PDB file of N, CA and C in Angstrom:
ATOM      1  N   UNK A   1      42.199 -55.187 -22.839  1.00  0.00           N
ATOM      2  CA  UNK A   1      41.796 -53.803 -22.820  1.00  0.00           C
ATOM      3  C   UNK A   1      41.223 -53.451 -21.452  1.00  0.00           C
ATOM      4  N   UNK A   2      41.489 -52.257 -21.028  1.00  0.00           N
ATOM      5  CA  UNK A   2      41.113 -51.816 -19.697  1.00  0.00           C
ATOM      6  C   UNK A   2      39.596 -51.841 -19.479  1.00  0.00           C
ATOM      7  N   UNK A   3      38.811 -51.374 -20.443  1.00  0.00           N
ATOM      8  CA  UNK A   3      37.361 -51.286 -20.260  1.00  0.00           C
ATOM      9  C   UNK A   3      36.691 -52.664 -20.099  1.00  0.00           C
ATOM     10  N   UNK A   4      37.336 -53.711 -20.538  1.00  0.00           N
ATOM     11  CA  UNK A   4      36.778 -55.051 -20.386  1.00  0.00           C
ATOM     12  C   UNK A   4      36.865 -55.557 -18.952  1.00  0.00           C
ATOM     13  N   UNK A   5      37.679 -54.922 -18.121  1.00  0.00           N
ATOM     14  CA  UNK A   5      37.857 -55.328 -16.721  1.00  0.00           C
ATOM     15  C   UNK A   5      37.098 -54.448 -15.734  1.00  0.00           C
ATOM     16  N   UNK A   6      36.419 -53.407 -16.207  1.00  0.00           N
ATOM     17  CA  UNK A   6      35.795 -52.442 -15.306  1.00  0.00           C
ATOM     18  C   UNK A   6      34.769 -53.071 -14.384  1.00  0.00           C
ATOM     19  N   UNK A   7      33.956 -53.998 -14.865  1.00  0.00           N
ATOM     20  CA  UNK A   7      32.905 -54.584 -14.035  1.00  0.00           C
ATOM     21  C   UNK A   7      33.475 -55.417 -12.882  1.00  0.00           C
ATOM     22  N   UNK A   8      34.690 -55.940 -13.041  1.00  0.00           N
ATOM     23  CA  UNK A   8      35.291 -56.787 -12.019  1.00  0.00           C
ATOM     24  C   UNK A   8      36.242 -56.022 -11.096  1.00  0.00           C
ATOM     25  N   UNK A   9      36.591 -54.807 -11.451  1.00  0.00           N
ATOM     26  CA  UNK A   9      37.545 -54.016 -10.668  1.00  0.00           C
ATOM     27  C   UNK A   9      36.932 -53.512  -9.367  1.00  0.00           C
ATOM     28  N   UNK A  10      37.792 -53.279  -8.392  1.00  0.00           N
ATOM     29  CA  UNK A  10      37.369 -52.665  -7.146  1.00  0.00           C
ATOM     30  C   UNK A  10      37.025 -51.197  -7.444  1.00  0.00           C
ATOM     31  N   UNK A  11      35.894 -50.705  -6.938  1.00  0.00           N
ATOM     32  CA  UNK A  11      35.487 -49.326  -7.218  1.00  0.00           C
ATOM     33  C   UNK A  11      36.513 -48.316  -6.671  1.00  0.00           C
ATOM     34  N   UNK A  12      36.706 -47.223  -7.424  1.00  0.00           N
ATOM     35  CA  UNK A  12      37.615 -46.160  -7.005  1.00  0.00           C
ATOM     36  C   UNK A  12      37.005 -45.337  -5.884  1.00  0.00           C
ATOM     37  N   UNK A  13      35.704 -45.075  -5.980  1.00  0.00           N
ATOM     38  CA  UNK A  13      34.965 -44.297  -4.976  1.00  0.00           C
ATOM     39  C   UNK A  13      33.482 -44.434  -5.249  1.00  0.00           C
ATOM     40  N   UNK A  14      32.690 -43.797  -4.400  1.00  0.00           N
ATOM     41  CA  UNK A  14      31.231 -43.798  -4.586  1.00  0.00           C
ATOM     42  C   UNK A  14      30.770 -42.364  -4.811  1.00  0.00           C
ATOM     43  N   UNK A  15      29.781 -42.223  -5.674  1.00  0.00           N
ATOM     44  CA  UNK A  15      29.183 -40.920  -5.951  1.00  0.00           C
ATOM     45  C   UNK A  15      27.671 -41.057  -5.839  1.00  0.00           C
ATOM     46  N   UNK A  16      27.030 -39.924  -5.565  1.00  0.00           N
ATOM     47  CA  UNK A  16      25.567 -39.877  -5.448  1.00  0.00           C
ATOM     48  C   UNK A  16      25.016 -38.947  -6.513  1.00  0.00           C
ATOM     49  N   UNK A  17      23.935 -39.349  -7.145  1.00  0.00           N
ATOM     50  CA  UNK A  17      23.297 -38.542  -8.189  1.00  0.00           C
ATOM     51  C   UNK A  17      22.536 -37.390  -7.532  1.00  0.00           C
ATOM     52  N   UNK A  18      22.802 -36.172  -8.002  1.00  0.00           N
ATOM     53  CA  UNK A  18      22.112 -34.993  -7.448  1.00  0.00           C
ATOM     54  C   UNK A  18      21.034 -34.473  -8.398  1.00  0.00           C
ATOM     55  N   UNK A  19      21.141 -34.795  -9.702  1.00  0.00           N
ATOM     56  CA  UNK A  19      20.082 -34.431 -10.656  1.00  0.00           C
ATOM     57  C   UNK A  19      20.251 -35.224 -11.932  1.00  0.00           C
ATOM     58  N   UNK A  20      19.215 -35.263 -12.733  1.00  0.00           N
ATOM     59  CA  UNK A  20      19.267 -35.926 -14.043  1.00  0.00           C
ATOM     60  C   UNK A  20      18.783 -34.978 -15.135  1.00  0.00           C
ATOM     61  N   UNK A  21      18.942 -33.684 -14.908  1.00  0.00           N
ATOM     62  CA  UNK A  21      18.517 -32.662 -15.876  1.00  0.00           C
ATOM     63  C   UNK A  21      19.586 -32.490 -16.950  1.00  0.00           C
ATOM     64  N   UNK A  22      19.531 -33.307 -17.975  1.00  0.00           N
ATOM     65  CA  UNK A  22      20.519 -33.270 -19.043  1.00  0.00           C
ATOM     66  C   UNK A  22      20.044 -32.345 -20.154  1.00  0.00           C
ATOM     67  N   UNK A  23      20.963 -31.539 -20.678  1.00  0.00           N
ATOM     68  CA  UNK A  23      20.632 -30.633 -21.756  1.00  0.00           C
ATOM     69  C   UNK A  23      20.526 -31.343 -23.097  1.00  0.00           C
ATOM     70  N   UNK A  24      21.307 -32.391 -23.287  1.00  0.00           N
ATOM     71  CA  UNK A  24      21.389 -33.012 -24.605  1.00  0.00           C
ATOM     72  C   UNK A  24      20.928 -34.465 -24.624  1.00  0.00           C
ATOM     73  N   UNK A  25      21.191 -35.221 -23.558  1.00  0.00           N
ATOM     74  CA  UNK A  25      20.907 -36.652 -23.538  1.00  0.00           C
ATOM     75  C   UNK A  25      19.938 -37.000 -22.426  1.00  0.00           C
ATOM     76  N   UNK A  26      19.224 -38.094 -22.559  1.00  0.00           N
ATOM     77  CA  UNK A  26      18.336 -38.589 -21.522  1.00  0.00           C
ATOM     78  C   UNK A  26      19.119 -39.511 -20.608  1.00  0.00           C
ATOM     79  N   UNK A  27      19.247 -39.123 -19.343  1.00  0.00           N
ATOM     80  CA  UNK A  27      19.979 -39.951 -18.385  1.00  0.00           C
ATOM     81  C   UNK A  27      19.084 -40.466 -17.268  1.00  0.00           C
ATOM     82  N   UNK A  28      17.851 -39.989 -17.208  1.00  0.00           N
ATOM     83  CA  UNK A  28      16.937 -40.383 -16.133  1.00  0.00           C
ATOM     84  C   UNK A  28      16.615 -41.874 -16.155  1.00  0.00           C
ATOM     85  N   UNK A  29      16.729 -42.518 -17.306  1.00  0.00           N
ATOM     86  CA  UNK A  29      16.485 -43.953 -17.394  1.00  0.00           C
ATOM     87  C   UNK A  29      17.621 -44.775 -16.795  1.00  0.00           C
ATOM     88  N   UNK A  30      18.819 -44.207 -16.769  1.00  0.00           N
ATOM     89  CA  UNK A  30      20.001 -44.942 -16.316  1.00  0.00           C
ATOM     90  C   UNK A  30      20.499 -44.511 -14.935  1.00  0.00           C
ATOM     91  N   UNK A  31      20.063 -43.350 -14.452  1.00  0.00           N
ATOM     92  CA  UNK A  31      20.473 -42.834 -13.150  1.00  0.00           C
ATOM     93  C   UNK A  31      19.253 -42.519 -12.317  1.00  0.00           C
ATOM     94  N   UNK A  32      19.352 -42.712 -11.011  1.00  0.00           N
ATOM     95  CA  UNK A  32      18.275 -42.414 -10.092  1.00  0.00           C
ATOM     96  C   UNK A  32      18.769 -41.367  -9.108  1.00  0.00           C
ATOM     97  N   UNK A  33      18.035 -40.258  -9.003  1.00  0.00           N
ATOM     98  CA  UNK A  33      18.419 -39.183  -8.081  1.00  0.00           C
ATOM     99  C   UNK A  33      18.425 -39.713  -6.660  1.00  0.00           C
ATOM    100  N   UNK A  34      19.523 -39.431  -5.937  1.00  0.00           N
ATOM    101  CA  UNK A  34      19.663 -39.862  -4.560  1.00  0.00           C
ATOM    102  C   UNK A  34      20.325 -41.212  -4.399  1.00  0.00           C
ATOM    103  N   UNK A  35      20.482 -41.956  -5.471  1.00  0.00           N
ATOM    104  CA  UNK A  35      21.110 -43.281  -5.400  1.00  0.00           C
ATOM    105  C   UNK A  35      22.627 -43.136  -5.522  1.00  0.00           C
ATOM    106  N   UNK A  36      23.347 -44.008  -4.838  1.00  0.00           N
ATOM    107  CA  UNK A  36      24.806 -44.005  -4.895  1.00  0.00           C
ATOM    108  C   UNK A  36      25.284 -45.080  -5.862  1.00  0.00           C
ATOM    109  N   UNK A  37      26.340 -44.747  -6.598  1.00  0.00           N
ATOM    110  CA  UNK A  37      26.910 -45.645  -7.592  1.00  0.00           C
ATOM    111  C   UNK A  37      28.414 -45.767  -7.368  1.00  0.00           C
ATOM    112  N   UNK A  38      28.963 -46.923  -7.763  1.00  0.00           N
ATOM    113  CA  UNK A  38      30.403 -47.154  -7.692  1.00  0.00           C
ATOM    114  C   UNK A  38      31.067 -46.625  -8.961  1.00  0.00           C
ATOM    115  N   UNK A  39      32.147 -45.858  -8.776  1.00  0.00           N
ATOM    116  CA  UNK A  39      32.930 -45.341  -9.892  1.00  0.00           C
ATOM    117  C   UNK A  39      34.008 -46.363 -10.224  1.00  0.00           C
ATOM    118  N   UNK A  40      34.020 -46.844 -11.474  1.00  0.00           N
ATOM    119  CA  UNK A  40      35.019 -47.838 -11.888  1.00  0.00           C
ATOM    120  C   UNK A  40      36.153 -47.201 -12.675  1.00  0.00           C
ATOM    121  N   UNK A  41      35.923 -45.988 -13.208  1.00  0.00           N
ATOM    122  CA  UNK A  41      36.975 -45.254 -13.910  1.00  0.00           C
ATOM    123  C   UNK A  41      36.588 -43.787 -13.910  1.00  0.00           C
ATOM    124  N   UNK A  42      37.593 -42.918 -13.969  1.00  0.00           N
ATOM    125  CA  UNK A  42      37.345 -41.482 -13.925  1.00  0.00           C
ATOM    126  C   UNK A  42      38.271 -40.780 -14.904  1.00  0.00           C
ATOM    127  N   UNK A  43      37.714 -39.795 -15.630  1.00  0.00           N
ATOM    128  CA  UNK A  43      38.508 -38.929 -16.484  1.00  0.00           C
ATOM    129  C   UNK A  43      38.281 -37.510 -16.012  1.00  0.00           C
ATOM    130  N   UNK A  44      38.815 -36.530 -16.724  1.00  0.00           N
ATOM    131  CA  UNK A  44      38.636 -35.132 -16.336  1.00  0.00           C
ATOM    132  C   UNK A  44      37.175 -34.708 -16.341  1.00  0.00           C
ATOM    133  N   UNK A  45      36.385 -35.197 -17.294  1.00  0.00           N
ATOM    134  CA  UNK A  45      35.003 -34.765 -17.449  1.00  0.00           C
ATOM    135  C   UNK A  45      33.966 -35.801 -17.038  1.00  0.00           C
ATOM    136  N   UNK A  46      34.334 -37.075 -17.003  1.00  0.00           N
ATOM    137  CA  UNK A  46      33.370 -38.141 -16.847  1.00  0.00           C
ATOM    138  C   UNK A  46      33.691 -39.093 -15.692  1.00  0.00           C
ATOM    139  N   UNK A  47      32.598 -39.695 -15.175  1.00  0.00           N
ATOM    140  CA  UNK A  47      32.712 -40.867 -14.319  1.00  0.00           C
ATOM    141  C   UNK A  47      32.178 -42.042 -15.125  1.00  0.00           C
ATOM    142  N   UNK A  48      32.853 -43.155 -15.091  1.00  0.00           N
ATOM    143  CA  UNK A  48      32.301 -44.398 -15.641  1.00  0.00           C
ATOM    144  C   UNK A  48      31.796 -45.188 -14.437  1.00  0.00           C
ATOM    145  N   UNK A  49      30.489 -45.474 -14.448  1.00  0.00           N
ATOM    146  CA  UNK A  49      29.855 -46.138 -13.314  1.00  0.00           C
ATOM    147  C   UNK A  49      29.043 -47.339 -13.785  1.00  0.00           C
ATOM    148  N   UNK A  50      28.726 -48.211 -12.833  1.00  0.00           N
ATOM    149  CA  UNK A  50      27.766 -49.279 -13.101  1.00  0.00           C
ATOM    150  C   UNK A  50      26.389 -48.675 -12.892  1.00  0.00           C
ATOM    151  N   UNK A  51      25.653 -48.420 -13.974  1.00  0.00           N
ATOM    152  CA  UNK A  51      24.383 -47.720 -13.882  1.00  0.00           C
ATOM    153  C   UNK A  51      23.215 -48.676 -13.689  1.00  0.00           C
ATOM    154  N   UNK A  52      21.984 -48.173 -13.809  1.00  0.00           N
ATOM    155  CA  UNK A  52      20.771 -48.979 -13.572  1.00  0.00           C
ATOM    156  C   UNK A  52      20.622 -50.138 -14.551  1.00  0.00           C
ATOM    157  N   UNK A  53      21.297 -50.090 -15.691  1.00  0.00           N
ATOM    158  CA  UNK A  53      21.217 -51.184 -16.654  1.00  0.00           C
ATOM    159  C   UNK A  53      22.110 -52.361 -16.274  1.00  0.00           C
ATOM    160  N   UNK A  54      22.998 -52.139 -15.288  1.00  0.00           N
ATOM    161  CA  UNK A  54      23.943 -53.184 -14.900  1.00  0.00           C
ATOM    162  C   UNK A  54      25.215 -53.168 -15.713  1.00  0.00           C
ATOM    163  N   UNK A  55      25.305 -52.224 -16.633  1.00  0.00           N
ATOM    164  CA  UNK A  55      26.484 -52.079 -17.483  1.00  0.00           C
ATOM    165  C   UNK A  55      27.236 -50.819 -17.097  1.00  0.00           C
ATOM    166  N   UNK A  56      28.451 -50.691 -17.570  1.00  0.00           N
ATOM    167  CA  UNK A  56      29.248 -49.494 -17.307  1.00  0.00           C
ATOM    168  C   UNK A  56      28.872 -48.424 -18.305  1.00  0.00           C
ATOM    169  N   UNK A  57      28.557 -47.230 -17.797  1.00  0.00           N
ATOM    170  CA  UNK A  57      28.230 -46.097 -18.644  1.00  0.00           C
ATOM    171  C   UNK A  57      29.028 -44.893 -18.210  1.00  0.00           C
ATOM    172  N   UNK A  58      29.307 -43.983 -19.140  1.00  0.00           N
ATOM    173  CA  UNK A  58      30.045 -42.767 -18.839  1.00  0.00           C
ATOM    174  C   UNK A  58      29.099 -41.573 -18.747  1.00  0.00           C
ATOM    175  N   UNK A  59      29.237 -40.801 -17.669  1.00  0.00           N
ATOM    176  CA  UNK A  59      28.348 -39.665 -17.421  1.00  0.00           C
ATOM    177  C   UNK A  59      29.168 -38.453 -16.961  1.00  0.00           C
ATOM    178  N   UNK A  60      28.713 -37.250 -17.359  1.00  0.00           N
ATOM    179  CA  UNK A  60      29.364 -36.038 -16.917  1.00  0.00           C
ATOM    180  C   UNK A  60      29.385 -35.964 -15.387  1.00  0.00           C
ATOM    181  N   UNK A  61      30.434 -35.400 -14.857  1.00  0.00           N
ATOM    182  CA  UNK A  61      30.590 -35.312 -13.405  1.00  0.00           C
ATOM    183  C   UNK A  61      29.571 -34.388 -12.753  1.00  0.00           C
ATOM    184  N   UNK A  62      28.968 -33.487 -13.514  1.00  0.00           N
ATOM    185  CA  UNK A  62      28.045 -32.531 -12.889  1.00  0.00           C
ATOM    186  C   UNK A  62      26.727 -33.153 -12.425  1.00  0.00           C
ATOM    187  N   UNK A  63      26.470 -34.419 -12.748  1.00  0.00           N
ATOM    188  CA  UNK A  63      25.281 -35.110 -12.237  1.00  0.00           C
ATOM    189  C   UNK A  63      25.488 -35.647 -10.827  1.00  0.00           C
ATOM    190  N   UNK A  64      26.715 -35.608 -10.319  1.00  0.00           N
ATOM    191  CA  UNK A  64      27.064 -36.322  -9.089  1.00  0.00           C
ATOM    192  C   UNK A  64      27.725 -35.423  -8.043  1.00  0.00           C
ATOM    193  N   UNK A  65      27.691 -35.931  -6.810  1.00  0.00           N
ATOM    194  CA  UNK A  65      28.526 -35.385  -5.745  1.00  0.00           C
ATOM    195  C   UNK A  65      29.228 -36.587  -5.114  1.00  0.00           C
ATOM    196  N   UNK A  66      30.459 -36.358  -4.664  1.00  0.00           N
ATOM    197  CA  UNK A  66      31.211 -37.445  -4.040  1.00  0.00           C
ATOM    198  C   UNK A  66      30.680 -37.736  -2.665  1.00  0.00           C
ATOM    199  N   UNK A  67      30.656 -38.996  -2.312  1.00  0.00           N
ATOM    200  CA  UNK A  67      30.151 -39.422  -0.992  1.00  0.00           C
ATOM    201  C   UNK A  67      31.329 -39.663  -0.086  1.00  0.00           C
TER     202      UNK A  67
END
């Protein structure tokens, strides 16, 4: 399965967190404003990144700007 290889894959690009003001979910524990993260997969609405927990998590694209 594709998601089992995400941690070992070469990153697609890097993104930087611009805010953690989530309307529905708490993301401040997993993302740090101003920090750059490697994108391991991308969909229309989400980036899958290696977050502060060391695991791959999916987050809306509006939290980030491309570096």
